[in-house]
């Protein structure tokens, strides 16, 4: 993955701690990784964690030092993966709502987007969430389906974010597909 630029979005689900493992795995594979966090995500995992793992500052503000951070980050990356993708960020993406840095990047980004949902089973089963997921699939987003298992709320069922290795493999598969579409040789994957 040498020379590949990956943008990781982290929204406010407890599974955000697992995203640290994903960022580490991407870095170890040679990718350049930038991380964008929602305000809620920063309450669950400190931005310094992702800064230490990626070697880059974590972006959290729509209006910061950069004049157009959503454009700059979107143009730099080859692939965007949101993990965890909460019901909130899924709804924003499905409706085109852009009220923070991550949701604005989702609108500005022109490459492939992977979403790894994570939420309570009851939330995952709601018709509105399933409609939003179906809309995103129809719009070309790749959904890395949540797994079934123990959830942070103490219940068991579907809604658990896919494991970091599963997400990593989905990223590799999508990058290979990009390479095949463009005729690029994928010797570094």
N, C-alpha and C. Protein backbone atom coordinates (compact mmCIF):
# COMPACT_ATOMS: atom_id res chain seq x y z
N UNK A 1 0.81 -1.20 0.00
CA UNK A 1 0.00 0.00 0.00
C UNK A 1 0.86 1.25 0.00
N UNK A 2 2.13 1.09 -0.32
CA UNK A 2 3.03 2.24 -0.35
C UNK A 2 2.52 3.31 -1.29
N UNK A 3 2.47 4.53 -0.78
CA UNK A 3 2.05 5.65 -1.59
C UNK A 3 0.55 5.85 -1.69
N UNK A 4 -0.24 4.96 -1.12
CA UNK A 4 -1.69 5.11 -1.15
C UNK A 4 -2.11 6.05 -0.04
N UNK A 5 -3.05 6.93 -0.34
CA UNK A 5 -3.55 7.89 0.65
C UNK A 5 -4.97 7.51 1.03
N UNK A 6 -5.16 7.22 2.31
CA UNK A 6 -6.44 6.79 2.84
C UNK A 6 -6.93 7.83 3.84
N UNK A 7 -8.21 8.16 3.75
CA UNK A 7 -8.84 9.06 4.71
C UNK A 7 -9.78 8.24 5.56
N UNK A 8 -9.59 8.29 6.86
CA UNK A 8 -10.43 7.55 7.80
C UNK A 8 -11.30 8.55 8.57
N UNK A 9 -12.60 8.34 8.49
CA UNK A 9 -13.55 9.13 9.27
C UNK A 9 -13.97 8.33 10.48
N UNK A 10 -14.00 8.97 11.62
CA UNK A 10 -14.38 8.30 12.87
C UNK A 10 -15.58 9.06 13.44
N UNK A 11 -16.73 8.39 13.50
CA UNK A 11 -17.89 9.03 14.11
C UNK A 11 -18.09 8.48 15.52
N UNK A 12 -19.06 9.02 16.23
CA UNK A 12 -19.17 8.82 17.67
C UNK A 12 -19.79 7.54 18.17
N UNK A 13 -19.23 6.42 17.81
CA UNK A 13 -19.65 5.14 18.37
C UNK A 13 -18.54 4.56 19.22
N UNK A 14 -18.91 3.76 20.21
CA UNK A 14 -17.90 3.17 21.09
C UNK A 14 -16.89 2.32 20.32
N UNK A 15 -17.28 1.83 19.15
CA UNK A 15 -16.37 1.04 18.32
C UNK A 15 -15.20 1.86 17.78
N UNK A 16 -15.17 3.17 18.05
CA UNK A 16 -14.07 4.02 17.61
C UNK A 16 -12.71 3.50 18.09
N UNK A 17 -12.72 2.83 19.24
CA UNK A 17 -11.44 2.29 19.74
C UNK A 17 -10.87 1.25 18.78
N UNK A 18 -11.75 0.52 18.07
CA UNK A 18 -11.29 -0.48 17.11
C UNK A 18 -10.68 0.18 15.87
N UNK A 19 -11.07 1.41 15.60
CA UNK A 19 -10.54 2.12 14.44
C UNK A 19 -9.06 2.43 14.63
N UNK A 20 -8.63 2.57 15.86
CA UNK A 20 -7.21 2.78 16.12
C UNK A 20 -6.40 1.59 15.60
N UNK A 21 -6.91 0.39 15.76
CA UNK A 21 -6.24 -0.80 15.24
C UNK A 21 -6.19 -0.75 13.71
N UNK A 22 -7.28 -0.32 13.09
CA UNK A 22 -7.32 -0.21 11.63
C UNK A 22 -6.30 0.80 11.13
N UNK A 23 -6.22 1.97 11.76
CA UNK A 23 -5.25 2.98 11.35
C UNK A 23 -3.83 2.44 11.48
N UNK A 24 -3.55 1.76 12.58
CA UNK A 24 -2.23 1.16 12.78
C UNK A 24 -1.92 0.14 11.68
N UNK A 25 -2.90 -0.68 11.35
CA UNK A 25 -2.71 -1.71 10.31
C UNK A 25 -2.43 -1.07 8.95
N UNK A 26 -3.16 -0.01 8.62
CA UNK A 26 -2.93 0.69 7.35
C UNK A 26 -1.54 1.31 7.31
N UNK A 27 -1.13 1.91 8.40
CA UNK A 27 0.20 2.52 8.46
C UNK A 27 1.29 1.46 8.32
N UNK A 28 1.13 0.33 9.01
CA UNK A 28 2.12 -0.74 8.91
C UNK A 28 2.22 -1.29 7.49
N UNK A 29 1.12 -1.19 6.74
CA UNK A 29 1.12 -1.66 5.35
C UNK A 29 1.70 -0.63 4.40
N UNK A 30 2.05 0.56 4.92
CA UNK A 30 2.71 1.57 4.09
C UNK A 30 1.83 2.68 3.57
N UNK A 31 0.56 2.69 3.94
CA UNK A 31 -0.35 3.74 3.47
C UNK A 31 -0.14 5.03 4.25
N UNK A 32 -0.43 6.14 3.60
CA UNK A 32 -0.53 7.41 4.28
C UNK A 32 -1.96 7.54 4.78
N UNK A 33 -2.13 7.86 6.05
CA UNK A 33 -3.47 7.88 6.63
C UNK A 33 -3.72 9.22 7.31
N UNK A 34 -4.84 9.84 6.92
CA UNK A 34 -5.33 11.04 7.59
C UNK A 34 -6.63 10.67 8.29
N UNK A 35 -6.84 11.24 9.46
CA UNK A 35 -8.02 10.91 10.26
C UNK A 35 -8.84 12.17 10.51
N UNK A 36 -10.14 12.02 10.32
CA UNK A 36 -11.12 13.07 10.63
C UNK A 36 -12.06 12.50 11.67
N UNK A 37 -12.30 13.24 12.73
CA UNK A 37 -13.17 12.78 13.81
C UNK A 37 -14.32 13.75 14.01
N UNK A 38 -15.49 13.19 14.31
CA UNK A 38 -16.60 14.03 14.73
C UNK A 38 -16.37 14.44 16.19
N UNK A 39 -17.10 15.45 16.61
CA UNK A 39 -16.99 15.90 18.01
C UNK A 39 -17.31 14.76 18.97
N UNK A 40 -18.35 13.99 18.66
CA UNK A 40 -18.73 12.87 19.53
C UNK A 40 -17.62 11.83 19.60
N UNK A 41 -16.96 11.57 18.49
CA UNK A 41 -15.88 10.58 18.48
C UNK A 41 -14.74 10.99 19.41
N UNK A 42 -14.46 12.29 19.48
CA UNK A 42 -13.36 12.75 20.33
C UNK A 42 -13.65 12.56 21.81
N UNK A 43 -14.91 12.32 22.16
CA UNK A 43 -15.28 12.05 23.55
C UNK A 43 -15.06 10.59 23.91
N UNK A 44 -14.85 9.75 22.89
CA UNK A 44 -14.67 8.31 23.12
C UNK A 44 -13.22 7.88 22.98
N UNK A 45 -12.52 8.46 22.01
CA UNK A 45 -11.09 8.18 21.80
C UNK A 45 -10.41 9.52 21.58
N UNK A 46 -9.34 9.75 22.27
CA UNK A 46 -8.64 11.02 22.15
C UNK A 46 -8.01 11.16 20.77
N UNK A 47 -8.10 12.33 20.16
CA UNK A 47 -7.44 12.55 18.87
C UNK A 47 -5.94 12.24 18.90
N UNK A 48 -5.31 12.45 20.04
CA UNK A 48 -3.87 12.15 20.17
C UNK A 48 -3.56 10.69 19.86
N UNK A 49 -4.51 9.80 20.12
CA UNK A 49 -4.31 8.39 19.80
C UNK A 49 -4.10 8.23 18.30
N UNK A 50 -4.98 8.84 17.52
CA UNK A 50 -4.87 8.72 16.06
C UNK A 50 -3.69 9.52 15.51
N UNK A 51 -3.35 10.63 16.17
CA UNK A 51 -2.17 11.39 15.75
C UNK A 51 -0.91 10.57 15.94
N UNK A 52 -0.82 9.86 17.06
CA UNK A 52 0.35 9.03 17.32
C UNK A 52 0.45 7.89 16.32
N UNK A 53 -0.69 7.30 15.97
CA UNK A 53 -0.70 6.17 15.05
C UNK A 53 -0.45 6.57 13.59
N UNK A 54 -1.00 7.73 13.19
CA UNK A 54 -0.89 8.15 11.80
C UNK A 54 0.30 9.05 11.52
N UNK A 55 0.82 9.68 12.57
CA UNK A 55 1.90 10.64 12.39
C UNK A 55 1.43 11.95 11.78
N UNK A 56 0.12 12.16 11.79
CA UNK A 56 -0.47 13.37 11.22
C UNK A 56 -1.47 13.96 12.21
N UNK A 57 -1.69 15.28 12.10
CA UNK A 57 -2.71 15.88 12.97
C UNK A 57 -4.10 15.36 12.60
N UNK A 58 -4.93 15.18 13.60
CA UNK A 58 -6.31 14.76 13.39
C UNK A 58 -7.14 16.01 13.12
N UNK A 59 -8.01 15.91 12.15
CA UNK A 59 -8.87 17.04 11.80
C UNK A 59 -10.24 16.85 12.45
N UNK A 60 -10.73 17.91 13.08
CA UNK A 60 -12.03 17.83 13.75
C UNK A 60 -12.93 19.02 13.43
N UNK A 61 -12.37 20.09 12.92
CA UNK A 61 -13.13 21.33 12.74
C UNK A 61 -13.34 21.66 11.27
N UNK A 62 -14.56 22.03 10.95
CA UNK A 62 -14.87 22.46 9.59
C UNK A 62 -14.18 23.78 9.29
N UNK A 63 -14.10 24.64 10.30
CA UNK A 63 -13.44 25.93 10.14
C UNK A 63 -12.22 25.95 11.04
N UNK A 64 -11.08 25.68 10.45
CA UNK A 64 -9.84 25.64 11.21
C UNK A 64 -8.77 26.44 10.52
N UNK A 65 -7.55 25.97 10.62
CA UNK A 65 -6.42 26.67 10.01
C UNK A 65 -6.52 26.68 8.49
N UNK A 66 -6.85 25.54 7.93
CA UNK A 66 -6.96 25.45 6.47
C UNK A 66 -8.22 26.19 6.03
N UNK A 67 -8.15 26.82 4.88
CA UNK A 67 -9.29 27.59 4.39
C UNK A 67 -10.44 26.69 3.97
N UNK A 68 -10.14 25.58 3.32
CA UNK A 68 -11.16 24.63 2.86
C UNK A 68 -10.74 23.21 3.25
N UNK A 69 -10.76 22.87 4.55
CA UNK A 69 -10.24 21.55 4.93
C UNK A 69 -11.00 20.40 4.29
N UNK A 70 -12.30 20.55 4.08
CA UNK A 70 -13.07 19.47 3.48
C UNK A 70 -12.64 19.22 2.05
N UNK A 71 -12.28 20.25 1.32
CA UNK A 71 -11.82 20.09 -0.06
C UNK A 71 -10.40 19.54 -0.08
N UNK A 72 -9.53 20.10 0.72
CA UNK A 72 -8.14 19.68 0.74
C UNK A 72 -8.01 18.20 1.12
N UNK A 73 -8.73 17.78 2.15
CA UNK A 73 -8.66 16.38 2.56
C UNK A 73 -9.28 15.47 1.52
N UNK A 74 -10.39 15.89 0.93
CA UNK A 74 -11.08 15.08 -0.07
C UNK A 74 -10.21 14.91 -1.32
N UNK A 75 -9.50 15.93 -1.72
CA UNK A 75 -8.68 15.85 -2.93
C UNK A 75 -7.42 15.03 -2.72
N UNK A 76 -6.92 14.99 -1.51
CA UNK A 76 -5.66 14.30 -1.22
C UNK A 76 -5.83 12.78 -1.17
N UNK A 77 -7.00 12.32 -0.72
CA UNK A 77 -7.20 10.89 -0.47
C UNK A 77 -7.68 10.16 -1.72
N UNK A 78 -7.32 8.89 -1.76
CA UNK A 78 -7.76 8.00 -2.83
C UNK A 78 -9.01 7.22 -2.43
N UNK A 79 -9.19 7.04 -1.13
CA UNK A 79 -10.31 6.26 -0.61
C UNK A 79 -10.69 6.82 0.74
N UNK A 80 -11.99 6.83 1.04
CA UNK A 80 -12.50 7.29 2.33
C UNK A 80 -13.23 6.13 2.99
N UNK A 81 -12.88 5.86 4.24
CA UNK A 81 -13.56 4.83 5.02
C UNK A 81 -14.02 5.44 6.34
N UNK A 82 -15.30 5.30 6.63
CA UNK A 82 -15.84 5.78 7.90
C UNK A 82 -16.09 4.58 8.80
N UNK A 83 -15.36 4.55 9.91
CA UNK A 83 -15.45 3.44 10.86
C UNK A 83 -15.22 3.98 12.26
N UNK A 84 -16.17 3.90 13.15
CA UNK A 84 -17.52 3.40 12.92
C UNK A 84 -18.38 4.43 12.19
N UNK A 85 -19.34 3.90 11.47
CA UNK A 85 -20.36 4.75 10.84
C UNK A 85 -21.63 4.61 11.68
N UNK A 86 -21.92 5.63 12.45
CA UNK A 86 -23.10 5.61 13.31
C UNK A 86 -24.36 5.84 12.49
N UNK A 87 -25.51 5.60 13.11
CA UNK A 87 -26.78 5.88 12.44
C UNK A 87 -26.84 7.35 12.04
N UNK A 88 -26.26 8.22 12.84
CA UNK A 88 -26.26 9.65 12.55
C UNK A 88 -25.50 9.97 11.27
N UNK A 89 -24.27 9.48 11.13
CA UNK A 89 -23.48 9.81 9.94
C UNK A 89 -24.06 9.12 8.71
N UNK A 90 -24.64 7.94 8.89
CA UNK A 90 -25.31 7.25 7.78
C UNK A 90 -26.49 8.09 7.29
N UNK A 91 -27.28 8.61 8.21
CA UNK A 91 -28.42 9.45 7.83
C UNK A 91 -27.96 10.72 7.12
N UNK A 92 -26.92 11.34 7.65
CA UNK A 92 -26.40 12.55 7.02
C UNK A 92 -25.94 12.25 5.59
N UNK A 93 -25.20 11.18 5.41
CA UNK A 93 -24.70 10.82 4.07
C UNK A 93 -25.84 10.51 3.12
N UNK A 94 -26.84 9.78 3.60
CA UNK A 94 -27.97 9.40 2.75
C UNK A 94 -28.79 10.61 2.31
N UNK A 95 -28.85 11.62 3.16
CA UNK A 95 -29.65 12.82 2.86
C UNK A 95 -28.83 13.97 2.28
N UNK A 96 -27.51 13.82 2.27
CA UNK A 96 -26.66 14.91 1.78
C UNK A 96 -26.53 16.06 2.75
N UNK A 97 -26.71 15.78 4.03
CA UNK A 97 -26.58 16.80 5.06
C UNK A 97 -25.10 16.98 5.40
N UNK A 98 -24.66 18.22 5.44
CA UNK A 98 -23.25 18.51 5.72
C UNK A 98 -23.18 19.60 6.78
N UNK A 99 -23.06 19.18 8.04
CA UNK A 99 -23.04 20.16 9.13
C UNK A 99 -21.81 20.04 10.03
N UNK A 100 -20.87 19.21 9.63
CA UNK A 100 -19.60 19.11 10.34
C UNK A 100 -18.54 18.70 9.31
N UNK A 101 -17.30 18.58 9.74
CA UNK A 101 -16.22 18.31 8.78
C UNK A 101 -16.41 16.96 8.10
N UNK A 102 -16.71 15.91 8.85
CA UNK A 102 -16.82 14.59 8.24
C UNK A 102 -17.97 14.52 7.23
N UNK A 103 -19.14 15.02 7.58
CA UNK A 103 -20.27 14.96 6.65
C UNK A 103 -20.03 15.85 5.43
N UNK A 104 -19.30 16.93 5.60
CA UNK A 104 -18.96 17.79 4.46
C UNK A 104 -17.97 17.10 3.54
N UNK A 105 -17.00 16.40 4.12
CA UNK A 105 -16.05 15.63 3.31
C UNK A 105 -16.79 14.55 2.52
N UNK A 106 -17.76 13.89 3.16
CA UNK A 106 -18.52 12.86 2.45
C UNK A 106 -19.17 13.43 1.19
N UNK A 107 -19.61 14.67 1.22
CA UNK A 107 -20.19 15.30 0.03
C UNK A 107 -19.12 15.72 -0.97
N UNK A 108 -17.98 16.15 -0.50
CA UNK A 108 -16.93 16.65 -1.39
C UNK A 108 -16.08 15.55 -2.01
N UNK A 109 -16.04 14.38 -1.37
CA UNK A 109 -15.15 13.30 -1.81
C UNK A 109 -15.68 12.65 -3.07
N UNK A 110 -14.81 12.48 -4.06
CA UNK A 110 -15.22 11.92 -5.35
C UNK A 110 -14.79 10.47 -5.56
N UNK A 111 -14.02 9.92 -4.65
CA UNK A 111 -13.56 8.54 -4.78
C UNK A 111 -14.47 7.56 -4.07
N UNK A 112 -14.02 6.33 -3.95
CA UNK A 112 -14.83 5.31 -3.29
C UNK A 112 -14.94 5.55 -1.79
N UNK A 113 -16.14 5.29 -1.27
CA UNK A 113 -16.42 5.46 0.16
C UNK A 113 -16.86 4.12 0.73
N UNK A 114 -16.22 3.72 1.81
CA UNK A 114 -16.60 2.51 2.55
C UNK A 114 -17.13 2.95 3.90
N UNK A 115 -18.25 2.36 4.31
CA UNK A 115 -18.84 2.66 5.61
C UNK A 115 -18.92 1.37 6.42
N UNK A 116 -18.46 1.42 7.66
CA UNK A 116 -18.53 0.27 8.56
C UNK A 116 -19.50 0.63 9.70
N UNK A 117 -20.79 0.32 9.53
CA UNK A 117 -21.79 0.69 10.54
C UNK A 117 -21.52 0.02 11.88
N UNK A 118 -21.92 0.75 12.93
CA UNK A 118 -21.84 0.23 14.30
C UNK A 118 -22.92 0.91 15.11
N UNK A 119 -23.81 0.10 15.69
CA UNK A 119 -24.88 0.65 16.53
C UNK A 119 -25.60 -0.48 17.23
N UNK A 120 -26.46 -0.13 18.13
CA UNK A 120 -27.31 -1.09 18.82
C UNK A 120 -28.17 -1.86 17.82
N UNK A 121 -28.47 -3.11 18.11
CA UNK A 121 -29.27 -3.96 17.20
C UNK A 121 -30.62 -3.35 16.87
N UNK A 122 -31.28 -2.75 17.86
CA UNK A 122 -32.59 -2.14 17.61
C UNK A 122 -32.45 -0.98 16.63
N UNK A 123 -31.38 -0.21 16.77
CA UNK A 123 -31.15 0.89 15.84
C UNK A 123 -30.87 0.35 14.44
N UNK A 124 -30.01 -0.66 14.33
CA UNK A 124 -29.66 -1.24 13.04
C UNK A 124 -30.91 -1.79 12.33
N UNK A 125 -31.85 -2.34 13.08
CA UNK A 125 -33.05 -2.95 12.50
C UNK A 125 -34.11 -1.93 12.09
N UNK A 126 -34.01 -0.70 12.55
CA UNK A 126 -35.03 0.30 12.23
C UNK A 126 -35.17 0.47 10.71
N UNK A 127 -36.41 0.52 10.23
CA UNK A 127 -36.63 0.71 8.80
C UNK A 127 -35.93 1.96 8.24
N UNK A 128 -35.90 3.05 8.99
CA UNK A 128 -35.26 4.25 8.47
C UNK A 128 -33.76 4.04 8.28
N UNK A 129 -33.12 3.33 9.19
CA UNK A 129 -31.69 3.05 9.05
C UNK A 129 -31.46 2.14 7.84
N UNK A 130 -32.29 1.12 7.70
CA UNK A 130 -32.15 0.22 6.57
C UNK A 130 -32.42 0.94 5.24
N UNK A 131 -33.38 1.88 5.23
CA UNK A 131 -33.61 2.68 4.02
C UNK A 131 -32.40 3.53 3.69
N UNK A 132 -31.80 4.14 4.73
CA UNK A 132 -30.61 4.96 4.50
C UNK A 132 -29.46 4.12 3.97
N UNK A 133 -29.27 2.94 4.52
CA UNK A 133 -28.20 2.04 4.05
C UNK A 133 -28.47 1.63 2.61
N UNK A 134 -29.71 1.29 2.29
CA UNK A 134 -30.06 0.91 0.92
C UNK A 134 -29.82 2.07 -0.04
N UNK A 135 -30.14 3.29 0.38
CA UNK A 135 -29.90 4.46 -0.46
C UNK A 135 -28.41 4.65 -0.71
N UNK A 136 -27.60 4.48 0.33
CA UNK A 136 -26.16 4.63 0.18
C UNK A 136 -25.59 3.56 -0.75
N UNK A 137 -26.06 2.34 -0.62
CA UNK A 137 -25.62 1.28 -1.54
C UNK A 137 -25.97 1.67 -2.98
N UNK A 138 -27.19 2.15 -3.18
CA UNK A 138 -27.64 2.56 -4.51
C UNK A 138 -26.80 3.73 -5.04
N UNK A 139 -26.31 4.56 -4.14
CA UNK A 139 -25.48 5.70 -4.52
C UNK A 139 -24.02 5.30 -4.76
N UNK A 140 -23.68 4.04 -4.55
CA UNK A 140 -22.33 3.57 -4.83
C UNK A 140 -21.42 3.41 -3.63
N UNK A 141 -21.94 3.66 -2.44
CA UNK A 141 -21.12 3.44 -1.24
C UNK A 141 -20.98 1.94 -1.00
N UNK A 142 -19.85 1.55 -0.45
CA UNK A 142 -19.65 0.17 -0.03
C UNK A 142 -19.95 0.09 1.46
N UNK A 143 -20.85 -0.79 1.82
CA UNK A 143 -21.21 -0.99 3.22
C UNK A 143 -20.54 -2.27 3.70
N UNK A 144 -19.74 -2.16 4.73
CA UNK A 144 -19.12 -3.31 5.36
C UNK A 144 -20.05 -3.70 6.50
N UNK A 145 -20.90 -4.67 6.25
CA UNK A 145 -21.98 -4.99 7.18
C UNK A 145 -21.48 -5.24 8.59
N UNK A 146 -22.27 -4.79 9.56
CA UNK A 146 -21.90 -5.06 10.96
C UNK A 146 -22.03 -6.55 11.26
N UNK A 147 -21.33 -6.95 12.29
CA UNK A 147 -21.34 -8.34 12.71
C UNK A 147 -22.33 -8.54 13.85
N UNK A 148 -22.63 -9.78 14.10
CA UNK A 148 -23.49 -10.12 15.22
C UNK A 148 -22.60 -10.49 16.40
N UNK A 149 -23.01 -10.07 17.58
CA UNK A 149 -22.21 -10.39 18.75
C UNK A 149 -22.59 -9.53 19.93
N UNK A 150 -21.71 -9.52 20.91
CA UNK A 150 -21.91 -8.74 22.13
C UNK A 150 -21.75 -7.26 21.81
N UNK A 151 -22.69 -6.45 22.26
CA UNK A 151 -22.67 -5.02 22.02
C UNK A 151 -22.36 -4.28 23.32
N UNK A 152 -21.87 -3.07 23.21
CA UNK A 152 -21.46 -2.32 24.40
C UNK A 152 -22.62 -2.05 25.36
N UNK A 153 -23.85 -2.08 24.87
CA UNK A 153 -25.01 -1.85 25.72
C UNK A 153 -25.37 -3.08 26.54
N UNK A 154 -24.67 -4.18 26.31
CA UNK A 154 -24.91 -5.40 27.07
C UNK A 154 -25.77 -6.42 26.35
N UNK A 155 -26.35 -6.05 25.24
CA UNK A 155 -27.17 -7.01 24.49
C UNK A 155 -26.32 -7.70 23.43
N UNK A 156 -26.93 -8.68 22.79
CA UNK A 156 -26.27 -9.41 21.70
C UNK A 156 -27.13 -9.27 20.47
N UNK A 157 -26.47 -9.21 19.32
CA UNK A 157 -27.21 -9.13 18.07
C UNK A 157 -26.39 -8.44 17.00
N UNK A 158 -27.00 -8.18 15.85
CA UNK A 158 -26.28 -7.49 14.77
C UNK A 158 -26.13 -6.00 15.11
N UNK A 159 -25.03 -5.45 14.71
CA UNK A 159 -24.77 -4.03 14.96
C UNK A 159 -23.34 -3.76 15.36
N UNK A 160 -22.62 -4.79 15.70
CA UNK A 160 -21.22 -4.67 16.10
C UNK A 160 -20.37 -4.35 14.87
N UNK A 161 -19.53 -3.32 14.95
CA UNK A 161 -18.69 -2.95 13.82
C UNK A 161 -17.82 -4.13 13.41
N UNK A 162 -17.65 -4.31 12.10
CA UNK A 162 -16.76 -5.35 11.60
C UNK A 162 -15.38 -5.19 12.22
N UNK A 163 -14.68 -6.29 12.32
CA UNK A 163 -13.34 -6.26 12.91
C UNK A 163 -12.39 -5.44 12.02
N UNK A 164 -11.38 -4.82 12.63
CA UNK A 164 -10.44 -4.01 11.86
C UNK A 164 -9.81 -4.76 10.68
N UNK A 165 -9.50 -6.03 10.84
CA UNK A 165 -8.90 -6.79 9.74
C UNK A 165 -9.89 -6.95 8.59
N UNK A 166 -11.16 -7.13 8.89
CA UNK A 166 -12.18 -7.24 7.85
C UNK A 166 -12.27 -5.92 7.07
N UNK A 167 -12.24 -4.81 7.78
CA UNK A 167 -12.30 -3.50 7.13
C UNK A 167 -11.03 -3.28 6.31
N UNK A 168 -9.88 -3.64 6.87
CA UNK A 168 -8.61 -3.52 6.15
C UNK A 168 -8.66 -4.29 4.83
N UNK A 169 -9.16 -5.52 4.87
CA UNK A 169 -9.24 -6.33 3.66
C UNK A 169 -10.21 -5.72 2.65
N UNK A 170 -11.31 -5.11 3.12
CA UNK A 170 -12.25 -4.44 2.23
C UNK A 170 -11.59 -3.24 1.56
N UNK A 171 -10.76 -2.52 2.30
CA UNK A 171 -10.03 -1.39 1.72
C UNK A 171 -9.08 -1.88 0.65
N UNK A 172 -8.34 -2.93 0.94
CA UNK A 172 -7.41 -3.48 -0.06
C UNK A 172 -8.17 -3.92 -1.31
N UNK A 173 -9.28 -4.61 -1.13
CA UNK A 173 -10.07 -5.07 -2.27
C UNK A 173 -10.55 -3.89 -3.12
N UNK A 174 -10.99 -2.82 -2.46
CA UNK A 174 -11.47 -1.66 -3.22
C UNK A 174 -10.34 -0.96 -3.93
N UNK A 175 -9.16 -0.87 -3.30
CA UNK A 175 -8.00 -0.27 -3.96
C UNK A 175 -7.57 -1.10 -5.16
N UNK A 176 -7.63 -2.42 -5.04
CA UNK A 176 -7.31 -3.28 -6.19
C UNK A 176 -8.29 -3.04 -7.33
N UNK A 177 -9.56 -2.90 -6.99
CA UNK A 177 -10.58 -2.64 -8.02
C UNK A 177 -10.32 -1.30 -8.71
N UNK A 178 -9.91 -0.30 -7.94
CA UNK A 178 -9.57 1.00 -8.53
C UNK A 178 -8.42 0.83 -9.51
N UNK A 179 -7.41 0.06 -9.09
CA UNK A 179 -6.25 -0.18 -9.94
C UNK A 179 -6.62 -0.89 -11.23
N UNK A 180 -7.50 -1.87 -11.12
CA UNK A 180 -7.92 -2.61 -12.31
C UNK A 180 -8.72 -1.71 -13.25
N UNK A 181 -9.54 -0.83 -12.68
CA UNK A 181 -10.32 0.10 -13.50
C UNK A 181 -9.43 1.08 -14.23
N UNK A 182 -8.33 1.49 -13.60
CA UNK A 182 -7.44 2.48 -14.21
C UNK A 182 -6.26 1.85 -14.94
N UNK A 183 -6.13 0.52 -14.86
CA UNK A 183 -5.01 -0.15 -15.49
C UNK A 183 -3.73 -0.05 -14.69
N UNK A 184 -3.81 0.41 -13.46
CA UNK A 184 -2.64 0.56 -12.58
C UNK A 184 -2.18 -0.79 -12.08
N UNK A 185 -0.90 -1.00 -12.03
CA UNK A 185 -0.34 -2.23 -11.50
C UNK A 185 -0.36 -2.15 -9.98
N UNK A 186 -0.91 -3.15 -9.36
CA UNK A 186 -1.07 -3.16 -7.90
C UNK A 186 -0.06 -4.09 -7.24
N UNK A 187 1.22 -3.78 -7.41
CA UNK A 187 2.24 -4.63 -6.83
C UNK A 187 2.47 -4.36 -5.36
N UNK A 188 2.02 -3.21 -4.87
CA UNK A 188 2.26 -2.86 -3.47
C UNK A 188 1.12 -3.22 -2.55
N UNK A 189 0.09 -3.90 -3.04
CA UNK A 189 -1.02 -4.24 -2.14
C UNK A 189 -0.85 -5.61 -1.56
